[in-house]
Amino acid sequence: LHPDQALVDKANHFARSSHARITITDNFEEALRGADVIYTDVWVSMGEEDKFAERINQLRHFQVNRQMINLTGNPEVKCLPAFHDALTITGKKIQEDFGLDSMEVTDEVFRSPHSIVFDQAENRMHTIKAVMALTL
């Protein structure tokens, strides 16, 4: 699930000119140490519901949880979570089929000060409004 090498090369090119640092790893401690933001994406995209079992098996150990937050060593770390409880139709199905109360992020982290999901959703709303205004 690592990014395509051409994308990595392009990112490294931009990183050199901006003095950024890019690390691609599946080692939690290396990836999280000193992080300001933990970003996760949905494990299964809409239309790929047949991949839930495969993706949950691959990614369940990468769930954003309290341990990940603590590994950053940053009390101000923020995260952008996704599925976090069993209160939706999809969440309930995942709970019934796979015994998980949450997927990409735990509800504890979702509801904590670390979560900036509502800020992100608000920003997305304004972006959508701008696209609509420009296309009308």
Protein backbone atom coordinates (compact mmCIF):
# COMPACT_ATOMS: atom_id res chain seq x y z
CA LEU A 1 0.00 0.00 0.00
CA HIS A 2 2.99 2.31 -0.31
CA PRO A 3 2.69 5.13 -2.85
CA ASP A 4 3.83 4.72 -6.43
CA GLN A 5 7.57 5.45 -6.82
CA ALA A 6 6.92 8.18 -9.43
CA LEU A 7 4.78 10.02 -6.87
CA VAL A 8 7.46 9.57 -4.21
CA ASP A 9 10.09 10.98 -6.57
CA LYS A 10 7.91 14.00 -7.34
CA ALA A 11 7.22 14.60 -3.64
CA ASN A 12 10.94 14.37 -2.84
CA HIS A 13 11.64 16.91 -5.59
CA PHE A 14 9.22 19.38 -3.99
CA ALA A 15 10.56 18.54 -0.53
CA ARG A 16 14.11 19.47 -1.51
CA SER A 17 13.06 22.93 -2.67
CA SER A 18 10.89 23.57 0.40
CA HIS A 19 13.24 21.93 2.92
CA ALA A 20 10.52 19.46 3.88
CA ARG A 21 11.20 15.93 5.01
CA ILE A 22 9.31 12.94 3.62
CA THR A 23 9.38 9.60 5.40
CA ILE A 24 7.59 6.54 4.05
CA THR A 25 7.46 3.76 6.59
CA ASP A 26 5.18 1.30 8.31
CA ASN A 27 7.15 1.63 11.56
CA PHE A 28 4.82 3.43 14.01
CA GLU A 29 7.51 4.90 16.23
CA GLU A 30 9.48 6.28 13.29
CA ALA A 31 6.39 7.69 11.59
CA LEU A 32 4.74 9.20 14.67
CA ARG A 33 7.66 10.63 16.63
CA GLY A 34 7.17 14.40 16.77
CA ALA A 35 4.22 14.41 14.35
CA ASP A 36 1.93 17.43 14.31
CA VAL A 37 -0.86 15.69 12.39
CA ILE A 38 -1.99 12.10 11.91
CA TYR A 39 -4.10 11.72 8.79
CA THR A 40 -6.00 8.61 7.88
CA ASP A 41 -8.27 7.80 5.00
CA VAL A 42 -11.13 5.36 4.76
CA TRP A 43 -9.99 1.79 4.42
CA VAL A 44 -12.63 1.07 1.80
CA SER A 45 -13.96 3.58 -0.71
CA MET A 46 -17.58 3.81 -1.77
CA GLY A 47 -18.31 1.18 -4.37
CA GLU A 48 -15.62 -1.17 -3.03
CA GLU A 49 -17.66 -2.64 -0.18
CA ASP A 50 -16.63 -6.13 -1.28
CA LYS A 51 -13.10 -5.31 -0.03
CA PHE A 52 -13.98 -4.76 3.65
CA ALA A 53 -12.61 -8.12 4.85
CA GLU A 54 -9.35 -7.74 2.92
CA ARG A 55 -8.74 -4.13 3.99
CA ILE A 56 -9.69 -4.66 7.63
CA ASN A 57 -7.25 -7.57 7.76
CA GLN A 58 -4.51 -5.41 6.18
CA LEU A 59 -5.11 -2.19 8.08
CA ARG A 60 -6.61 -2.91 11.52
CA HIS A 61 -3.20 -2.48 13.18
CA PHE A 62 -2.93 1.02 11.67
CA GLN A 63 -6.04 2.34 13.42
CA VAL A 64 -5.58 5.81 14.90
CA ASN A 65 -6.00 5.25 18.62
CA ARG A 66 -4.74 6.61 21.95
CA GLN A 67 -1.47 4.66 21.61
CA MET A 68 -0.73 6.38 18.28
CA ILE A 69 -1.53 9.79 19.75
CA ASN A 70 0.83 9.08 22.66
CA LEU A 71 3.64 7.86 20.37
CA THR A 72 3.88 11.33 18.82
CA GLY A 73 5.07 12.83 22.09
CA ASN A 74 3.11 15.91 21.02
CA PRO A 75 0.22 16.85 23.35
CA GLU A 76 -1.14 19.17 20.61
CA VAL A 77 -1.14 16.57 17.81
CA LYS A 78 -4.21 16.71 15.56
CA CYS A 79 -5.86 14.01 13.51
CA LEU A 80 -8.32 13.79 10.65
CA PRO A 81 -10.30 10.63 11.28
CA ALA A 82 -12.91 8.67 9.36
CA PHE A 83 -15.21 5.82 10.57
CA HIS A 84 -15.14 5.99 14.35
CA ASP A 85 -18.18 4.17 15.76
CA ALA A 86 -21.00 1.74 15.01
CA LEU A 87 -23.77 4.35 14.86
CA THR A 88 -24.05 4.40 11.06
CA ILE A 89 -25.38 1.65 8.81
CA THR A 90 -21.85 0.90 7.58
CA GLY A 91 -20.38 1.09 11.09
CA LYS A 92 -23.03 -1.30 12.44
CA LYS A 93 -22.36 -3.77 9.60
CA ILE A 94 -18.61 -3.66 10.26
CA GLN A 95 -19.27 -4.27 13.96
CA GLU A 96 -21.54 -7.24 13.20
CA ASP A 97 -19.32 -8.77 10.50
CA PHE A 98 -15.85 -8.11 11.94
CA GLY A 99 -16.33 -7.37 15.65
CA LEU A 100 -14.88 -3.86 15.37
CA ASP A 101 -16.45 -0.92 17.20
CA SER A 102 -14.52 1.45 14.93
CA MET A 103 -12.30 1.29 11.90
CA GLU A 104 -9.80 3.99 10.91
CA VAL A 105 -9.96 5.82 14.25
CA THR A 106 -11.31 5.01 17.69
CA ASP A 107 -14.29 6.95 19.00
CA GLU A 108 -12.15 8.10 21.94
CA VAL A 109 -9.75 9.90 19.59
CA PHE A 110 -12.57 11.13 17.30
CA ARG A 111 -14.25 12.90 20.24
CA SER A 112 -11.00 14.23 21.73
CA PRO A 113 -9.39 17.66 21.30
CA HIS A 114 -6.95 15.97 18.89
CA SER A 115 -9.66 15.56 16.25
CA ILE A 116 -10.08 18.35 13.71
CA VAL A 117 -12.65 16.48 11.67
CA PHE A 118 -15.30 19.16 12.08
CA ASP A 119 -12.90 21.94 11.02
CA GLN A 120 -12.01 19.87 7.96
CA ALA A 121 -15.68 19.28 7.14
CA GLU A 122 -16.40 22.99 7.46
CA ASN A 123 -13.51 23.81 5.11
CA ARG A 124 -14.81 21.25 2.64
CA MET A 125 -18.26 22.84 2.78
CA HIS A 126 -16.81 26.22 1.78
CA THR A 127 -14.82 24.61 -1.02
CA ILE A 128 -17.95 22.93 -2.35
CA LYS A 129 -19.85 26.20 -2.19
CA ALA A 130 -17.08 27.94 -4.15
CA VAL A 131 -17.11 25.27 -6.85
CA MET A 132 -20.89 25.53 -7.11
CA ALA A 133 -20.72 29.33 -7.36
CA LEU A 134 -18.11 29.15 -10.12
CA THR A 135 -20.04 26.61 -12.13
CA LEU A 136 -23.41 28.38 -12.01
